[in-house]
């Protein structure tokens, strides 16, 4: 069975839209064409030459990775480094490459959720919610048609606040308008001013759903010319953002917990700050390089902060407020392949989806 690449990646982007990626990132389809068909997919954390060889030998026409093989623009393709060699080999062998990176870091059900799951954390939530991702829609609808319009924009993704949906505010009023002789107004007559009882409908939506919500509004609204406004909001959006924080089912002493972390993530070593002699109840974490979230981890009241790539001097910043546990970049994100696998097998149950057997971690331990 074959599927077009855009059909496959649309299921990933339904969870982790590309608009959620950080400005420096390069998530998305890096090599290949969306309309191409493939009959197998290979899932990996990193794209290396060995991974591309594995895709070729297994007949996988699409590699889905967490880390983009290209971060910066390529000015030449001479094969002088592994990035150029990977791109050349992928193109020569018709292997497409897709990456879901910081956008997958930013959503429940993504990288950090999988880390929480592996540790058995409960009551998990986003550690550092996103800003600037919400819009408010205001529109004006004849009172009798307001319900139809609300249902349409709710179905398109508007009206969600936390665990509630179909949220809106409605205010009655009167609208006035006069159409030219070339109009066919829903109410009133061309060339005459008309006053209509209308409802001012306000609701909230994620910025990335603006296009769908607007289409739903225009299709469901009875007027020829629809009055609407989108307002950017500065509210935090607790449903997306970097890192997560959760609670252990039962408190553990610090050493036992760190040993559990080491075993769970199959770490060669765990670099950590000094133990504080307190039970571990609340845990903050971030897959990959998460040192930038240390202050948020402290503010959350976490007893331990798990991530990778802490620098020497950054360990001092723990300040005896929590224990920093640096488990390594690869180790913290290695289960991302399982996230991909779960999404794709649910949506494509009869499709060949393979987990890469290449261990791409470039860091070794004696």
Protein backbone atom coordinates (compact mmCIF):
# COMPACT_ATOMS: atom_id res chain seq x y z
CA UNK A 1 0.00 0.00 0.00
CA UNK A 2 1.29 3.44 -0.94
CA UNK A 3 0.52 6.88 0.42
CA UNK A 4 1.49 10.33 -0.73
CA UNK A 5 4.02 12.07 1.49
CA UNK A 6 1.66 14.93 2.28
CA UNK A 7 -0.94 12.43 3.56
CA UNK A 8 1.59 10.99 6.00
CA UNK A 9 3.10 14.20 7.31
CA UNK A 10 -0.33 15.83 7.70
CA UNK A 11 -1.01 13.42 10.58
CA UNK A 12 2.18 14.53 12.33
CA UNK A 13 1.41 18.19 11.76
CA UNK A 14 -2.08 17.75 13.18
CA UNK A 15 -0.33 17.18 16.52
CA UNK A 16 2.67 19.44 15.97
CA UNK A 17 2.00 22.23 13.42
CA UNK A 18 5.11 23.64 11.77
CA UNK A 19 4.12 27.11 12.99
CA UNK A 20 5.06 25.97 16.51
CA UNK A 21 8.75 25.58 15.65
CA UNK A 22 11.33 28.01 16.97
CA UNK A 23 12.64 30.74 14.59
CA UNK A 24 16.04 29.06 14.25
CA UNK A 25 14.55 25.68 13.37
CA UNK A 26 14.09 23.96 10.02
CA UNK A 27 11.31 21.46 10.60
CA UNK A 28 9.23 20.20 7.69
CA UNK A 29 9.88 18.38 4.42
CA UNK A 30 13.58 18.93 3.79
CA UNK A 31 14.16 16.60 0.85
CA UNK A 32 11.48 15.31 -1.51
CA UNK A 33 8.12 16.34 -2.93
CA UNK A 34 4.82 16.23 -1.08
CA UNK A 35 3.02 14.58 -4.00
CA UNK A 36 5.46 11.66 -4.22
CA UNK A 37 4.16 8.26 -3.11
CA UNK A 38 6.01 5.95 -0.72
CA UNK A 39 5.25 2.44 0.48
CA UNK A 40 7.39 2.45 3.65
CA UNK A 41 8.64 4.92 6.26
CA UNK A 42 11.74 4.81 8.47
CA UNK A 43 11.65 6.58 11.84
CA UNK A 44 14.80 7.97 13.46
CA UNK A 45 16.09 10.61 15.83
CA UNK A 46 18.90 11.81 13.53
CA UNK A 47 19.59 11.53 9.82
CA UNK A 48 23.03 10.09 9.10
CA UNK A 49 24.52 8.31 6.11
CA UNK A 50 23.96 4.99 7.88
CA UNK A 51 20.28 5.83 8.37
CA UNK A 52 19.86 6.66 4.70
CA UNK A 53 21.55 3.37 3.79
CA UNK A 54 19.09 1.63 6.08
CA UNK A 55 16.18 3.37 4.34
CA UNK A 56 17.49 2.35 0.93
CA UNK A 57 18.01 -1.30 1.91
CA UNK A 58 14.60 -1.54 3.58
CA UNK A 59 12.74 0.16 0.72
CA UNK A 60 11.63 3.14 2.78
CA UNK A 61 10.99 6.15 0.55
CA UNK A 62 10.55 8.53 3.47
CA UNK A 63 12.66 9.15 6.57
CA UNK A 64 10.91 10.90 9.46
CA UNK A 65 13.40 12.35 11.94
CA UNK A 66 13.32 14.53 15.00
CA UNK A 67 16.43 16.54 14.15
CA UNK A 68 16.55 18.31 10.76
CA UNK A 69 19.58 17.22 8.77
CA UNK A 70 19.79 20.79 7.40
CA UNK A 71 19.69 23.68 9.87
CA UNK A 72 21.31 26.37 7.76
CA UNK A 73 21.26 27.07 4.06
CA UNK A 74 23.52 24.97 1.85
CA UNK A 75 25.58 27.00 -0.63
CA UNK A 76 27.28 23.97 -2.13
CA UNK A 77 26.61 20.24 -2.46
CA UNK A 78 30.10 18.76 -2.77
CA UNK A 79 29.90 16.06 -0.11
CA UNK A 80 32.51 17.72 2.10
CA UNK A 81 30.53 17.01 5.31
CA UNK A 82 27.94 14.50 6.46
CA UNK A 83 25.03 16.91 5.86
CA UNK A 84 25.92 17.37 2.18
CA UNK A 85 26.59 13.65 1.77
CA UNK A 86 23.23 12.79 3.30
CA UNK A 87 21.36 15.15 1.01
CA UNK A 88 23.18 13.91 -2.09
CA UNK A 89 22.58 10.25 -1.21
CA UNK A 90 18.90 10.86 -0.37
CA UNK A 91 18.24 12.65 -3.68
CA UNK A 92 20.11 10.05 -5.74
CA UNK A 93 18.06 7.25 -4.19
CA UNK A 94 14.66 9.00 -4.12
CA UNK A 95 14.50 9.06 -0.33
CA UNK A 96 12.53 11.96 1.14
CA UNK A 97 13.45 13.44 4.53
CA UNK A 98 11.02 15.08 6.94
CA UNK A 99 11.77 16.53 10.39
CA UNK A 100 9.46 17.34 13.31
CA UNK A 101 11.68 19.14 15.80
CA UNK A 102 10.91 22.03 18.16
CA UNK A 103 7.28 21.94 17.05
CA UNK A 104 7.12 18.41 18.47
CA UNK A 105 8.90 19.61 21.61
CA UNK A 106 6.13 22.14 22.17
CA UNK A 107 2.98 20.03 22.32
CA UNK A 108 1.34 17.59 24.73
CA UNK A 109 1.77 14.16 23.24
CA UNK A 110 5.22 15.10 21.92
CA UNK A 111 8.80 14.64 23.09
CA UNK A 112 8.36 15.81 26.67
CA UNK A 113 5.10 13.95 27.18
CA UNK A 114 6.89 10.75 26.20
CA UNK A 115 9.62 11.47 28.77
CA UNK A 116 6.95 11.99 31.43
CA UNK A 117 5.29 8.73 30.42
CA UNK A 118 8.55 6.79 30.71
CA UNK A 119 9.07 8.14 34.24
CA UNK A 120 5.45 7.54 35.25
CA UNK A 121 4.78 11.19 36.06
CA UNK A 122 1.21 12.28 36.79
CA UNK A 123 -0.69 15.58 36.49
CA UNK A 124 1.72 16.79 33.82
CA UNK A 125 1.53 20.26 32.29
CA UNK A 126 3.61 22.59 30.13
CA UNK A 127 6.55 24.13 31.97
CA UNK A 128 6.92 27.30 29.86
CA UNK A 129 3.72 28.11 27.94
CA UNK A 130 3.91 29.78 24.54
CA UNK A 131 3.05 33.43 24.07
CA UNK A 132 1.60 35.16 21.04
CA UNK A 133 -0.12 32.06 19.69
CA UNK A 134 -3.73 33.04 20.37
CA UNK A 135 -6.17 35.25 18.47
CA UNK A 136 -9.59 36.62 19.33
CA UNK A 137 -12.18 36.58 16.58
CA UNK A 138 -15.01 39.14 16.67
CA UNK A 139 -17.81 38.99 14.12
CA UNK A 140 -21.37 40.25 13.74
CA UNK A 141 -24.21 37.92 12.73
CA UNK A 142 -27.98 38.23 12.40
CA UNK A 143 -29.41 36.90 15.66
CA UNK A 144 -31.27 34.00 14.06
CA UNK A 145 -28.18 32.76 12.22
CA UNK A 146 -25.71 33.23 15.10
CA UNK A 147 -25.99 29.63 16.25
CA UNK A 148 -25.15 28.28 12.79
CA UNK A 149 -22.06 30.48 12.54
CA UNK A 150 -20.88 29.59 16.05
CA UNK A 151 -21.15 25.86 15.34
CA UNK A 152 -19.16 26.26 12.13
CA UNK A 153 -16.26 28.16 13.67
CA UNK A 154 -16.22 25.83 16.69
CA UNK A 155 -15.94 22.84 14.33
CA UNK A 156 -13.01 24.59 12.62
CA UNK A 157 -11.06 24.83 15.88
CA UNK A 158 -12.19 28.00 17.64
CA UNK A 159 -13.61 28.24 21.14
CA UNK A 160 -11.22 26.04 23.14
CA UNK A 161 -10.12 27.26 26.58
CA UNK A 162 -8.36 24.61 28.67
CA UNK A 163 -10.71 21.66 29.17
CA UNK A 164 -13.69 23.60 27.79
CA UNK A 165 -14.79 23.95 24.19
CA UNK A 166 -17.47 25.88 22.28
CA UNK A 167 -16.57 28.97 24.33
CA UNK A 168 -17.85 32.32 23.09
CA UNK A 169 -19.22 35.67 24.31
CA UNK A 170 -22.32 37.08 22.66
CA UNK A 171 -23.74 40.59 22.89
CA UNK A 172 -26.94 41.81 21.19
CA UNK A 173 -26.97 45.01 19.16
CA UNK A 174 -27.97 46.60 15.90
CA UNK A 175 -26.03 46.74 12.67
CA UNK A 176 -26.64 49.20 9.85
CA UNK A 177 -25.64 48.98 6.22
CA UNK A 178 -26.64 50.05 2.74
CA UNK A 179 -25.80 48.04 -0.32
CA UNK A 180 -25.21 49.40 -3.79
CA UNK A 181 -27.44 48.55 -6.72
CA UNK A 182 -25.09 45.66 -7.55
CA UNK A 183 -25.64 43.85 -4.24
CA UNK A 184 -27.97 41.03 -3.28
CA UNK A 185 -28.25 41.53 0.49
CA UNK A 186 -29.45 38.72 2.75
CA UNK A 187 -31.76 41.24 4.43
CA UNK A 188 -32.85 44.71 3.33
CA UNK A 189 -32.94 46.20 -0.17
CA UNK A 190 -30.19 47.58 -2.43
CA UNK A 191 -29.79 51.33 -2.17
CA UNK A 192 -31.65 51.61 1.17
CA UNK A 193 -30.13 51.77 4.62
CA UNK A 194 -31.12 48.77 6.70
CA UNK A 195 -30.98 48.15 10.45
CA UNK A 196 -30.66 44.54 11.57
CA UNK A 197 -30.65 42.97 15.04
CA UNK A 198 -27.27 41.26 15.25
CA UNK A 199 -25.18 39.35 17.75
CA UNK A 200 -21.58 40.33 18.38
CA UNK A 201 -19.85 36.95 18.64
CA UNK A 202 -16.39 36.73 20.25
CA UNK A 203 -14.28 33.61 20.55
CA UNK A 204 -10.66 32.52 20.84
CA UNK A 205 -8.53 30.39 18.54
CA UNK A 206 -4.92 29.27 18.00
CA UNK A 207 -3.15 31.39 15.42
CA UNK A 208 -2.35 28.37 13.24
CA UNK A 209 -6.09 27.66 12.83
CA UNK A 210 -6.88 31.15 11.54
CA UNK A 211 -7.27 30.06 7.92
CA UNK A 212 -9.69 27.23 8.69
CA UNK A 213 -11.74 29.31 11.09
CA UNK A 214 -11.98 32.20 8.65
CA UNK A 215 -13.09 29.86 5.85
CA UNK A 216 -15.73 28.37 8.13
CA UNK A 217 -16.93 31.84 9.08
CA UNK A 218 -17.25 33.04 5.50
CA UNK A 219 -18.97 29.85 4.34
CA UNK A 220 -21.53 29.80 7.17
CA UNK A 221 -22.26 33.52 7.42
CA UNK A 222 -25.36 34.66 5.49
CA UNK A 223 -24.05 38.10 4.50
CA UNK A 224 -22.36 38.86 1.18
CA UNK A 225 -19.81 41.00 3.01
CA UNK A 226 -18.82 39.62 6.42
CA UNK A 227 -17.58 41.99 9.11
CA UNK A 228 -14.93 40.40 11.33
CA UNK A 229 -11.75 41.25 13.23
CA UNK A 230 -8.83 39.16 14.46
CA UNK A 231 -7.02 40.53 17.52
CA UNK A 232 -3.65 39.18 18.68
CA UNK A 233 -3.60 38.17 22.36
CA UNK A 234 -0.70 38.24 24.78
CA UNK A 235 -2.17 35.46 26.92
CA UNK A 236 0.01 32.45 27.67
CA UNK A 237 -1.29 29.35 25.95
CA UNK A 238 -0.98 26.59 28.51
CA UNK A 239 -1.63 23.90 25.90
CA UNK A 240 1.68 24.47 24.10
CA UNK A 241 5.19 25.43 25.10
CA UNK A 242 8.58 24.10 26.10
CA UNK A 243 9.27 21.54 28.80
CA UNK A 244 6.86 19.78 31.12
CA UNK A 245 6.43 19.31 34.85
CA UNK A 246 4.68 16.51 36.70
CA UNK A 247 4.46 14.57 39.94
CA UNK A 248 5.75 11.15 40.94
CA UNK A 249 3.04 8.75 42.15
CA UNK A 250 5.05 8.36 45.37
CA UNK A 251 7.99 10.43 46.68
CA UNK A 252 11.47 8.97 46.18
CA UNK A 253 14.82 9.80 47.70
CA UNK A 254 17.10 11.68 45.32
CA UNK A 255 19.67 8.94 44.70
CA UNK A 256 17.04 6.29 44.03
CA UNK A 257 15.26 8.62 41.64
CA UNK A 258 18.44 9.46 39.72
CA UNK A 259 19.21 5.74 39.41
CA UNK A 260 15.69 5.23 38.07
CA UNK A 261 16.29 8.01 35.54
CA UNK A 262 19.61 6.46 34.51
CA UNK A 263 17.99 3.07 33.96
CA UNK A 264 14.89 4.43 32.21
CA UNK A 265 16.86 6.50 29.70
CA UNK A 266 19.74 4.00 29.40
CA UNK A 267 22.28 6.69 30.25
CA UNK A 268 26.01 6.14 30.12
CA UNK A 269 26.19 8.65 32.96
CA UNK A 270 24.02 11.22 34.73
CA UNK A 271 25.75 14.51 35.48
CA UNK A 272 24.00 16.17 38.39
CA UNK A 273 24.35 18.89 41.01
CA UNK A 274 24.78 17.97 44.66
CA UNK A 275 21.90 16.19 46.34
CA UNK A 276 19.85 18.28 48.74
CA UNK A 277 18.60 15.56 51.06
CA UNK A 278 14.94 16.15 50.16
CA UNK A 279 12.40 13.70 48.76
CA UNK A 280 11.66 14.01 45.05
CA UNK A 281 7.98 14.70 44.46
CA UNK A 282 7.81 17.11 41.54
CA UNK A 283 9.91 16.73 38.39
CA UNK A 284 10.52 19.21 35.56
CA UNK A 285 12.06 18.07 32.29
CA UNK A 286 12.87 19.08 28.74
CA UNK A 287 14.11 16.90 25.92
CA UNK A 288 17.33 17.98 24.22
CA UNK A 289 19.05 21.19 25.33
CA UNK A 290 16.85 22.58 28.09
CA UNK A 291 19.15 24.69 30.25
CA UNK A 292 17.25 27.82 29.15
CA UNK A 293 14.30 26.57 31.21
CA UNK A 294 16.14 26.36 34.54
CA UNK A 295 14.44 29.43 36.01
CA UNK A 296 11.03 28.09 34.98
CA UNK A 297 11.88 24.75 36.59
CA UNK A 298 12.78 26.53 39.83
CA UNK A 299 9.62 28.63 39.73
CA UNK A 300 7.51 25.50 39.26
CA UNK A 301 8.72 24.12 42.58
CA UNK A 302 10.33 21.08 40.96
CA UNK A 303 12.73 19.03 43.05
CA UNK A 304 14.68 17.78 40.01
CA UNK A 305 15.14 19.20 36.51
CA UNK A 306 16.02 16.63 33.83
CA UNK A 307 17.44 17.68 30.46
CA UNK A 308 20.66 17.62 28.45
CA UNK A 309 23.61 19.77 27.39
CA UNK A 310 24.17 21.79 30.58
CA UNK A 311 27.47 23.68 30.56
CA UNK A 312 29.82 23.65 33.54
CA UNK A 313 29.01 27.11 34.87
CA UNK A 314 25.28 26.59 34.43
CA UNK A 315 25.30 23.89 37.09
CA UNK A 316 26.05 26.59 39.67
CA UNK A 317 22.71 28.19 38.83
CA UNK A 318 20.82 25.39 40.55
CA UNK A 319 21.49 27.37 43.72
CA UNK A 320 20.45 24.53 46.03
CA UNK A 321 16.85 25.06 44.91
CA UNK A 322 16.67 21.82 42.95
CA UNK A 323 18.85 19.07 41.53
CA UNK A 324 19.90 19.40 37.89
CA UNK A 325 20.16 16.02 36.17
CA UNK A 326 21.89 16.17 32.78
CA UNK A 327 21.17 12.84 31.10
CA UNK A 328 22.44 13.74 27.63
CA UNK A 329 20.79 15.11 24.50
CA UNK A 330 20.28 11.82 22.69
CA UNK A 331 19.21 9.99 25.82
CA UNK A 332 16.46 12.50 26.61
CA UNK A 333 15.00 12.36 23.09
CA UNK A 334 15.57 8.74 22.08
CA UNK A 335 11.91 7.78 22.56
CA UNK A 336 10.73 10.34 20.03
CA UNK A 337 10.66 7.54 17.48
CA UNK A 338 7.88 5.98 19.54
CA UNK A 339 5.85 9.20 19.27
CA UNK A 340 6.08 9.04 15.48
CA UNK A 341 5.29 5.33 15.49
CA UNK A 342 2.17 5.69 17.62
CA UNK A 343 0.75 8.49 15.46
CA UNK A 344 1.42 6.75 12.16
CA UNK A 345 0.31 3.24 13.13
CA UNK A 346 -2.95 4.65 14.43
CA UNK A 347 -3.63 6.45 11.15
CA UNK A 348 -2.03 3.97 8.72
CA UNK A 349 -2.51 0.51 10.28
CA UNK A 350 -1.64 -1.42 7.08
CA UNK A 351 1.41 0.63 6.15
CA UNK A 352 5.07 -0.37 6.53
CA UNK A 353 6.45 1.76 9.37
CA UNK A 354 9.88 0.85 10.69
CA UNK A 355 11.97 2.04 13.63
CA UNK A 356 15.58 2.67 12.68
CA UNK A 357 18.04 0.25 14.23
CA UNK A 358 20.96 2.67 13.79
CA UNK A 359 22.12 4.19 17.07
CA UNK A 360 22.90 7.74 16.02
CA UNK A 361 24.22 9.06 19.35
CA UNK A 362 27.65 10.59 18.60
CA UNK A 363 28.56 10.70 22.33
CA UNK A 364 30.26 7.62 23.77
CA UNK A 365 31.07 6.64 27.36
CA UNK A 366 33.87 4.48 28.77
